């Protein structure tokens, strides 16, 4: 079978044997893939230390049949993720980016825009940019790219415009805001302020050039953080491991 090339972010690497690794990679060209890297733990190997967690690399791999791990034969390091100083919040945020990329995507389902977004966010975090704002941006734009962005202006149930007057019902299981009529009888509904919903809409716009200048006070940031945590947990069917550390992002 012919070898294929890709640009990849390393999302996970676990020991397979004394000399080999199983890696989860998110590639720009092919989407997510799981692969075996034989000999990756040997002192002399063809991977140039390129398969460490969160590295950006160019890989050569052989695609195997359905259900089998692909085989990485070469990897060349492009960039290693290095948090500024000893900034733990930055490191936790980068781990969270990797966890969401793994949880929100399927194997061999390419999302080049999502790859570029993740690469941009990791570069911004490494440069010391504000962690909380960049993580909210990543979560919401990522949800848009994979088709799961919650409805922020239109009732997720009936499709009517929701005109905010006071707090607005936000259905965690229903996929966004709910009008008064559709709110009745729903489970797992929280109330959101119009201001938080407006900020979320701006952060979720991939074309926005002004999102980083949004006025985002601690109260609004905390409100959005709480909704995002619960919405993503419901979407993934589990609480992301890194949610335990998200309080440091606010």
C-alpha atoms as a PDB file:
ATOM      1  CA  UNK A   1       0.000   0.000   0.000  1.00  0.00           C
ATOM      2  CA  UNK A   2       1.306   3.500  -0.800  1.00  0.00           C
ATOM      3  CA  UNK A   3       2.656   5.717   1.954  1.00  0.00           C
ATOM      4  CA  UNK A   4       0.706   8.887   2.774  1.00  0.00           C
ATOM      5  CA  UNK A   5       1.929  12.212   4.131  1.00  0.00           C
ATOM      6  CA  UNK A   6       0.263  14.568   6.575  1.00  0.00           C
ATOM      7  CA  UNK A   7       0.810  17.452   8.959  1.00  0.00           C
ATOM      8  CA  UNK A   8      -0.192  16.291  12.427  1.00  0.00           C
ATOM      9  CA  UNK A   9      -0.712  17.366  16.012  1.00  0.00           C
ATOM     10  CA  UNK A  10       0.059  14.679  18.580  1.00  0.00           C
ATOM     11  CA  UNK A  11      -2.974  14.330  20.856  1.00  0.00           C
ATOM     12  CA  UNK A  12      -1.920  11.292  22.837  1.00  0.00           C
ATOM     13  CA  UNK A  13       1.003   8.868  23.102  1.00  0.00           C
ATOM     14  CA  UNK A  14       0.965   5.685  25.184  1.00  0.00           C
ATOM     15  CA  UNK A  15       3.461   2.878  25.592  1.00  0.00           C
ATOM     16  CA  UNK A  16       2.793  -0.201  23.476  1.00  0.00           C
ATOM     17  CA  UNK A  17       5.924  -2.154  24.271  1.00  0.00           C
ATOM     18  CA  UNK A  18       9.440  -1.508  25.516  1.00  0.00           C
ATOM     19  CA  UNK A  19      10.287   0.147  22.207  1.00  0.00           C
ATOM     20  CA  UNK A  20       7.028   1.274  20.559  1.00  0.00           C
ATOM     21  CA  UNK A  21       4.212   3.785  21.033  1.00  0.00           C
ATOM     22  CA  UNK A  22       0.543   4.007  20.086  1.00  0.00           C
ATOM     23  CA  UNK A  23      -0.230   7.587  19.097  1.00  0.00           C
ATOM     24  CA  UNK A  24      -3.427   9.488  18.411  1.00  0.00           C
ATOM     25  CA  UNK A  25      -2.827  12.144  15.774  1.00  0.00           C
ATOM     26  CA  UNK A  26      -5.029  14.907  14.429  1.00  0.00           C
ATOM     27  CA  UNK A  27      -3.968  15.577  10.858  1.00  0.00           C
ATOM     28  CA  UNK A  28      -4.907  18.430   8.586  1.00  0.00           C
ATOM     29  CA  UNK A  29      -5.328  16.210   5.553  1.00  0.00           C
ATOM     30  CA  UNK A  30      -7.004  13.083   6.932  1.00  0.00           C
ATOM     31  CA  UNK A  31      -8.530  13.996  10.286  1.00  0.00           C
ATOM     32  CA  UNK A  32      -7.887  11.927  13.395  1.00  0.00           C
ATOM     33  CA  UNK A  33      -6.043   8.638  13.195  1.00  0.00           C
ATOM     34  CA  UNK A  34      -4.617   6.074  15.577  1.00  0.00           C
ATOM     35  CA  UNK A  35      -1.237   4.651  14.686  1.00  0.00           C
ATOM     36  CA  UNK A  36       1.588   2.438  15.850  1.00  0.00           C
ATOM     37  CA  UNK A  37       5.079   3.926  15.891  1.00  0.00           C
ATOM     38  CA  UNK A  38       7.455   0.983  16.006  1.00  0.00           C
ATOM     39  CA  UNK A  39      10.772   1.662  17.676  1.00  0.00           C
ATOM     40  CA  UNK A  40       9.783   5.183  18.749  1.00  0.00           C
ATOM     41  CA  UNK A  41      11.298   4.677  22.213  1.00  0.00           C
ATOM     42  CA  UNK A  42      14.676   3.518  20.968  1.00  0.00           C
ATOM     43  CA  UNK A  43      17.569   5.936  21.259  1.00  0.00           C
ATOM     44  CA  UNK A  44      18.015   5.846  17.498  1.00  0.00           C
ATOM     45  CA  UNK A  45      14.666   6.008  15.711  1.00  0.00           C
ATOM     46  CA  UNK A  46      13.171   7.625  12.584  1.00  0.00           C
ATOM     47  CA  UNK A  47      10.907   9.977  14.524  1.00  0.00           C
ATOM     48  CA  UNK A  48      13.277  12.756  15.622  1.00  0.00           C
ATOM     49  CA  UNK A  49      11.452  13.182  18.995  1.00  0.00           C
ATOM     50  CA  UNK A  50       8.479  14.362  16.938  1.00  0.00           C
ATOM     51  CA  UNK A  51       5.838  12.194  18.603  1.00  0.00           C
ATOM     52  CA  UNK A  52       5.781  13.854  22.010  1.00  0.00           C
ATOM     53  CA  UNK A  53       2.437  15.172  23.245  1.00  0.00           C
ATOM     54  CA  UNK A  54       1.319  18.420  21.539  1.00  0.00           C
ATOM     55  CA  UNK A  55       4.103  18.501  18.959  1.00  0.00           C
ATOM     56  CA  UNK A  56       3.391  19.638  15.417  1.00  0.00           C
ATOM     57  CA  UNK A  57       5.058  17.362  12.894  1.00  0.00           C
ATOM     58  CA  UNK A  58       5.101  16.015   9.360  1.00  0.00           C
ATOM     59  CA  UNK A  59       4.446  12.284   9.221  1.00  0.00           C
ATOM     60  CA  UNK A  60       4.614   9.470   6.715  1.00  0.00           C
ATOM     61  CA  UNK A  61       2.221   6.613   7.437  1.00  0.00           C
ATOM     62  CA  UNK A  62       0.693   3.482   5.984  1.00  0.00           C
ATOM     63  CA  UNK A  63      -3.080   3.242   6.228  1.00  0.00           C
ATOM     64  CA  UNK A  64      -4.236  -0.150   7.437  1.00  0.00           C
ATOM     65  CA  UNK A  65      -7.544  -1.928   6.979  1.00  0.00           C
ATOM     66  CA  UNK A  66     -10.616  -0.949   8.973  1.00  0.00           C
ATOM     67  CA  UNK A  67     -10.208  -1.586  12.687  1.00  0.00           C
ATOM     68  CA  UNK A  68      -6.413  -1.849  12.600  1.00  0.00           C
ATOM     69  CA  UNK A  69      -3.915   0.750  13.683  1.00  0.00           C
ATOM     70  CA  UNK A  70      -2.136   2.667  10.970  1.00  0.00           C
ATOM     71  CA  UNK A  71       1.659   2.526  10.913  1.00  0.00           C
ATOM     72  CA  UNK A  72       3.748   5.681  11.249  1.00  0.00           C
ATOM     73  CA  UNK A  73       7.054   5.132   9.464  1.00  0.00           C
ATOM     74  CA  UNK A  74       8.568   8.628   9.703  1.00  0.00           C
ATOM     75  CA  UNK A  75       7.982  11.835  11.627  1.00  0.00           C
ATOM     76  CA  UNK A  76       9.787  15.157  11.410  1.00  0.00           C
ATOM     77  CA  UNK A  77       9.383  17.783  14.112  1.00  0.00           C
ATOM     78  CA  UNK A  78       8.045  21.180  13.025  1.00  0.00           C
ATOM     79  CA  UNK A  79       7.334  22.778  16.380  1.00  0.00           C
ATOM     80  CA  UNK A  80       7.197  21.690  19.985  1.00  0.00           C
ATOM     81  CA  UNK A  81       4.653  23.227  22.364  1.00  0.00           C
ATOM     82  CA  UNK A  82       6.437  25.108  25.120  1.00  0.00           C
ATOM     83  CA  UNK A  83       4.393  26.996  27.737  1.00  0.00           C
ATOM     84  CA  UNK A  84       5.902  30.305  28.813  1.00  0.00           C
ATOM     85  CA  UNK A  85       7.900  29.918  32.021  1.00  0.00           C
ATOM     86  CA  UNK A  86       6.181  27.641  34.522  1.00  0.00           C
ATOM     87  CA  UNK A  87       2.656  28.728  33.584  1.00  0.00           C
ATOM     88  CA  UNK A  88       0.487  25.746  34.546  1.00  0.00           C
ATOM     89  CA  UNK A  89      -2.749  27.309  33.272  1.00  0.00           C
ATOM     90  CA  UNK A  90      -1.235  27.468  29.792  1.00  0.00           C
ATOM     91  CA  UNK A  91      -0.158  23.824  29.947  1.00  0.00           C
ATOM     92  CA  UNK A  92      -3.564  22.661  31.220  1.00  0.00           C
ATOM     93  CA  UNK A  93      -5.246  24.653  28.455  1.00  0.00           C
ATOM     94  CA  UNK A  94      -3.093  22.977  25.810  1.00  0.00           C
ATOM     95  CA  UNK A  95      -3.933  19.539  27.210  1.00  0.00           C
ATOM     96  CA  UNK A  96      -7.601  20.528  27.064  1.00  0.00           C
ATOM     97  CA  UNK A  97      -7.291  21.499  23.390  1.00  0.00           C
ATOM     98  CA  UNK A  98      -5.875  18.037  22.682  1.00  0.00           C
ATOM     99  CA  UNK A  99      -8.637  16.347  24.698  1.00  0.00           C
ATOM    100  CA  UNK A 100     -11.396  18.196  22.843  1.00  0.00           C
ATOM    101  CA  UNK A 101      -9.865  17.495  19.434  1.00  0.00           C
ATOM    102  CA  UNK A 102      -9.877  13.810  20.329  1.00  0.00           C
ATOM    103  CA  UNK A 103     -13.406  13.827  21.768  1.00  0.00           C
ATOM    104  CA  UNK A 104     -15.156  15.962  19.141  1.00  0.00           C
ATOM    105  CA  UNK A 105     -13.792  14.296  15.991  1.00  0.00           C
ATOM    106  CA  UNK A 106     -14.075  10.933  14.268  1.00  0.00           C
ATOM    107  CA  UNK A 107     -11.344   8.954  12.573  1.00  0.00           C
ATOM    108  CA  UNK A 108     -10.669   9.947   8.962  1.00  0.00           C
ATOM    109  CA  UNK A 109     -13.069  12.887   9.058  1.00  0.00           C
ATOM    110  CA  UNK A 110     -10.914  15.850   7.950  1.00  0.00           C
ATOM    111  CA  UNK A 111     -11.523  19.308   9.388  1.00  0.00           C
ATOM    112  CA  UNK A 112      -8.678  21.467   8.047  1.00  0.00           C
ATOM    113  CA  UNK A 113     -10.196  24.647   9.517  1.00  0.00           C
ATOM    114  CA  UNK A 114     -10.319  22.995  12.945  1.00  0.00           C
ATOM    115  CA  UNK A 115      -6.696  21.903  12.568  1.00  0.00           C
ATOM    116  CA  UNK A 116      -5.666  25.460  11.718  1.00  0.00           C
ATOM    117  CA  UNK A 117      -7.686  26.787  14.672  1.00  0.00           C
ATOM    118  CA  UNK A 118      -5.979  24.390  17.092  1.00  0.00           C
ATOM    119  CA  UNK A 119      -2.544  25.273  15.716  1.00  0.00           C
ATOM    120  CA  UNK A 120      -3.307  28.996  16.117  1.00  0.00           C
ATOM    121  CA  UNK A 121      -4.595  28.552  19.670  1.00  0.00           C
ATOM    122  CA  UNK A 122      -1.591  26.489  20.760  1.00  0.00           C
ATOM    123  CA  UNK A 123       0.754  29.104  19.278  1.00  0.00           C
ATOM    124  CA  UNK A 124      -1.118  31.873  21.110  1.00  0.00           C
ATOM    125  CA  UNK A 125      -0.965  29.983  24.413  1.00  0.00           C
ATOM    126  CA  UNK A 126       2.765  29.382  23.984  1.00  0.00           C
ATOM    127  CA  UNK A 127       3.194  33.117  23.367  1.00  0.00           C
ATOM    128  CA  UNK A 128       1.541  33.947  26.695  1.00  0.00           C
ATOM    129  CA  UNK A 129      -1.829  35.176  25.362  1.00  0.00           C
ATOM    130  CA  UNK A 130      -4.788  35.269  27.842  1.00  0.00           C
ATOM    131  CA  UNK A 131      -5.711  31.648  28.473  1.00  0.00           C
ATOM    132  CA  UNK A 132      -9.401  32.004  29.381  1.00  0.00           C
ATOM    133  CA  UNK A 133     -10.342  34.050  26.336  1.00  0.00           C
ATOM    134  CA  UNK A 134      -8.467  31.798  23.899  1.00  0.00           C
ATOM    135  CA  UNK A 135      -9.986  28.622  25.346  1.00  0.00           C
ATOM    136  CA  UNK A 136     -13.537  29.986  25.077  1.00  0.00           C
ATOM    137  CA  UNK A 137     -12.763  30.995  21.502  1.00  0.00           C
ATOM    138  CA  UNK A 138     -11.432  27.514  20.733  1.00  0.00           C
ATOM    139  CA  UNK A 139     -14.396  25.698  22.273  1.00  0.00           C
ATOM    140  CA  UNK A 140     -17.054  27.714  20.456  1.00  0.00           C
ATOM    141  CA  UNK A 141     -15.387  27.842  17.031  1.00  0.00           C
ATOM    142  CA  UNK A 142     -14.538  24.135  17.292  1.00  0.00           C
ATOM    143  CA  UNK A 143     -18.192  23.358  18.043  1.00  0.00           C
ATOM    144  CA  UNK A 144     -19.174  25.362  14.959  1.00  0.00           C
ATOM    145  CA  UNK A 145     -16.718  23.458  12.744  1.00  0.00           C
ATOM    146  CA  UNK A 146     -18.003  20.047  13.870  1.00  0.00           C
ATOM    147  CA  UNK A 147     -21.680  21.068  13.634  1.00  0.00           C
ATOM    148  CA  UNK A 148     -22.525  21.237  17.347  1.00  0.00           C
ATOM    149  CA  UNK A 149     -22.514  24.962  18.111  1.00  0.00           C
ATOM    150  CA  UNK A 150     -25.519  25.662  20.344  1.00  0.00           C
ATOM    151  CA  UNK A 151     -28.200  27.959  18.986  1.00  0.00           C
ATOM    152  CA  UNK A 152     -27.689  31.364  20.582  1.00  0.00           C
ATOM    153  CA  UNK A 153     -30.468  33.461  18.990  1.00  0.00           C
ATOM    154  CA  UNK A 154     -33.014  31.000  17.527  1.00  0.00           C
ATOM    155  CA  UNK A 155     -35.075  28.601  19.637  1.00  0.00           C
ATOM    156  CA  UNK A 156     -33.409  25.205  19.354  1.00  0.00           C
ATOM    157  CA  UNK A 157     -36.835  23.518  19.480  1.00  0.00           C
ATOM    158  CA  UNK A 158     -39.192  25.517  17.226  1.00  0.00           C
ATOM    159  CA  UNK A 159     -36.819  27.751  15.266  1.00  0.00           C
ATOM    160  CA  UNK A 160     -38.380  31.054  16.302  1.00  0.00           C
ATOM    161  CA  UNK A 161     -36.212  34.034  17.171  1.00  0.00           C
ATOM    162  CA  UNK A 162     -35.707  34.408  20.897  1.00  0.00           C
ATOM    163  CA  UNK A 163     -35.920  38.067  21.877  1.00  0.00           C
ATOM    164  CA  UNK A 164     -34.234  38.364  25.263  1.00  0.00           C
ATOM    165  CA  UNK A 165     -36.110  40.163  28.010  1.00  0.00           C
ATOM    166  CA  UNK A 166     -34.280  39.310  31.178  1.00  0.00           C
ATOM    167  CA  UNK A 167     -32.603  35.922  31.448  1.00  0.00           C
ATOM    168  CA  UNK A 168     -32.965  33.382  28.635  1.00  0.00           C
ATOM    169  CA  UNK A 169     -33.528  29.621  28.942  1.00  0.00           C
ATOM    170  CA  UNK A 170     -30.613  27.590  27.591  1.00  0.00           C
ATOM    171  CA  UNK A 171     -31.293  23.883  27.049  1.00  0.00           C
ATOM    172  CA  UNK A 172     -28.157  21.834  27.639  1.00  0.00           C
ATOM    173  CA  UNK A 173     -29.754  18.758  26.055  1.00  0.00           C
ATOM    174  CA  UNK A 174     -31.740  20.657  23.429  1.00  0.00           C
ATOM    175  CA  UNK A 175     -28.851  22.477  21.795  1.00  0.00           C
ATOM    176  CA  UNK A 176     -29.237  26.107  22.772  1.00  0.00           C
ATOM    177  CA  UNK A 177     -31.696  28.817  23.735  1.00  0.00           C
ATOM    178  CA  UNK A 178     -35.393  28.058  24.167  1.00  0.00           C
ATOM    179  CA  UNK A 179     -38.429  30.297  23.806  1.00  0.00           C
ATOM    180  CA  UNK A 180     -40.950  30.521  26.670  1.00  0.00           C
ATOM    181  CA  UNK A 181     -43.316  28.031  25.027  1.00  0.00           C
ATOM    182  CA  UNK A 182     -40.662  25.416  24.366  1.00  0.00           C
ATOM    183  CA  UNK A 183     -39.043  25.801  27.771  1.00  0.00           C
ATOM    184  CA  UNK A 184     -41.887  24.004  29.571  1.00  0.00           C
ATOM    185  CA  UNK A 185     -41.166  20.429  30.559  1.00  0.00           C
ATOM    186  CA  UNK A 186     -37.519  20.481  29.520  1.00  0.00           C
ATOM    187  CA  UNK A 187     -34.785  18.971  31.668  1.00  0.00           C
ATOM    188  CA  UNK A 188     -31.298  20.344  32.256  1.00  0.00           C
ATOM    189  CA  UNK A 189     -32.107  23.948  31.433  1.00  0.00           C
ATOM    190  CA  UNK A 190     -30.065  26.843  32.776  1.00  0.00           C
ATOM    191  CA  UNK A 191     -30.727  30.562  32.485  1.00  0.00           C
ATOM    192  CA  UNK A 192     -28.323  32.819  30.599  1.00  0.00           C
ATOM    193  CA  UNK A 193     -27.945  36.573  30.484  1.00  0.00           C
ATOM    194  CA  UNK A 194     -28.338  38.267  27.082  1.00  0.00           C
ATOM    195  CA  UNK A 195     -24.852  39.705  27.507  1.00  0.00           C
ATOM    196  CA  UNK A 196     -23.271  36.258  27.866  1.00  0.00           C
ATOM    197  CA  UNK A 197     -25.108  34.998  24.782  1.00  0.00           C
ATOM    198  CA  UNK A 198     -23.911  37.981  22.743  1.00  0.00           C
ATOM    199  CA  UNK A 199     -20.317  37.377  23.800  1.00  0.00           C
ATOM    200  CA  UNK A 200     -20.620  33.683  22.919  1.00  0.00           C
ATOM    201  CA  UNK A 201     -21.938  34.553  19.451  1.00  0.00           C
ATOM    202  CA  UNK A 202     -19.004  36.866  18.808  1.00  0.00           C
ATOM    203  CA  UNK A 203     -16.453  34.373  20.103  1.00  0.00           C
ATOM    204  CA  UNK A 204     -17.997  31.649  17.923  1.00  0.00           C
ATOM    205  CA  UNK A 205     -17.645  33.653  14.690  1.00  0.00           C
ATOM    206  CA  UNK A 206     -14.591  32.267  12.829  1.00  0.00           C
ATOM    207  CA  UNK A 207     -14.398  35.397  10.662  1.00  0.00           C
ATOM    208  CA  UNK A 208     -14.348  37.833  13.585  1.00  0.00           C
ATOM    209  CA  UNK A 209     -11.264  40.032  13.784  1.00  0.00           C
ATOM    210  CA  UNK A 210     -12.371  41.869  16.910  1.00  0.00           C
ATOM    211  CA  UNK A 211     -13.302  39.021  19.276  1.00  0.00           C
ATOM    212  CA  UNK A 212     -10.117  39.496  21.327  1.00  0.00           C
ATOM    213  CA  UNK A 213     -11.175  43.070  22.143  1.00  0.00           C
ATOM    214  CA  UNK A 214     -14.464  42.033  23.722  1.00  0.00           C
ATOM    215  CA  UNK A 215     -15.196  43.359  27.185  1.00  0.00           C
ATOM    216  CA  UNK A 216     -15.206  40.135  29.168  1.00  0.00           C
ATOM    217  CA  UNK A 217     -15.563  40.672  32.911  1.00  0.00           C
ATOM    218  CA  UNK A 218     -15.047  37.867  35.405  1.00  0.00           C
ATOM    219  CA  UNK A 219     -18.778  37.385  35.998  1.00  0.00           C
ATOM    220  CA  UNK A 220     -19.600  36.979  32.294  1.00  0.00           C
ATOM    221  CA  UNK A 221     -16.569  34.770  31.752  1.00  0.00           C
ATOM    222  CA  UNK A 222     -17.614  32.555  34.659  1.00  0.00           C
ATOM    223  CA  UNK A 223     -21.179  32.302  33.366  1.00  0.00           C
ATOM    224  CA  UNK A 224     -20.009  31.245  29.892  1.00  0.00           C
ATOM    225  CA  UNK A 225     -17.460  28.855  31.403  1.00  0.00           C
ATOM    226  CA  UNK A 226     -20.194  27.139  33.419  1.00  0.00           C
ATOM    227  CA  UNK A 227     -22.507  26.732  30.413  1.00  0.00           C
ATOM    228  CA  UNK A 228     -19.688  25.506  28.180  1.00  0.00           C
ATOM    229  CA  UNK A 229     -18.569  22.937  30.751  1.00  0.00           C
ATOM    230  CA  UNK A 230     -22.039  21.423  31.093  1.00  0.00           C
ATOM    231  CA  UNK A 231     -22.875  21.624  27.394  1.00  0.00           C
ATOM    232  CA  UNK A 232     -19.654  19.858  26.380  1.00  0.00           C
ATOM    233  CA  UNK A 233     -20.060  17.199  29.069  1.00  0.00           C
ATOM    234  CA  UNK A 234     -23.531  16.390  27.741  1.00  0.00           C
ATOM    235  CA  UNK A 235     -22.303  16.392  24.148  1.00  0.00           C
ATOM    236  CA  UNK A 236     -19.369  14.087  24.848  1.00  0.00           C
ATOM    237  CA  UNK A 237     -21.303  11.862  27.242  1.00  0.00           C
ATOM    238  CA  UNK A 238     -18.693  12.400  29.936  1.00  0.00           C
ATOM    239  CA  UNK A 239     -16.978  15.165  31.834  1.00  0.00           C
ATOM    240  CA  UNK A 240     -13.665  16.004  30.135  1.00  0.00           C
ATOM    241  CA  UNK A 241     -10.748  15.178  32.391  1.00  0.00           C
ATOM    242  CA  UNK A 242      -9.322  18.680  32.091  1.00  0.00           C
ATOM    243  CA  UNK A 243     -12.555  20.300  33.306  1.00  0.00           C
ATOM    244  CA  UNK A 244     -11.178  19.827  36.804  1.00  0.00           C
ATOM    245  CA  UNK A 245      -8.608  22.516  35.995  1.00  0.00           C
ATOM    246  CA  UNK A 246     -10.742  24.936  33.998  1.00  0.00           C
ATOM    247  CA  UNK A 247     -11.344  27.166  37.011  1.00  0.00           C
ATOM    248  CA  UNK A 248      -7.860  28.580  36.543  1.00  0.00           C
ATOM    249  CA  UNK A 249      -8.847  29.826  33.066  1.00  0.00           C
ATOM    250  CA  UNK A 250     -11.553  32.216  34.251  1.00  0.00           C
END
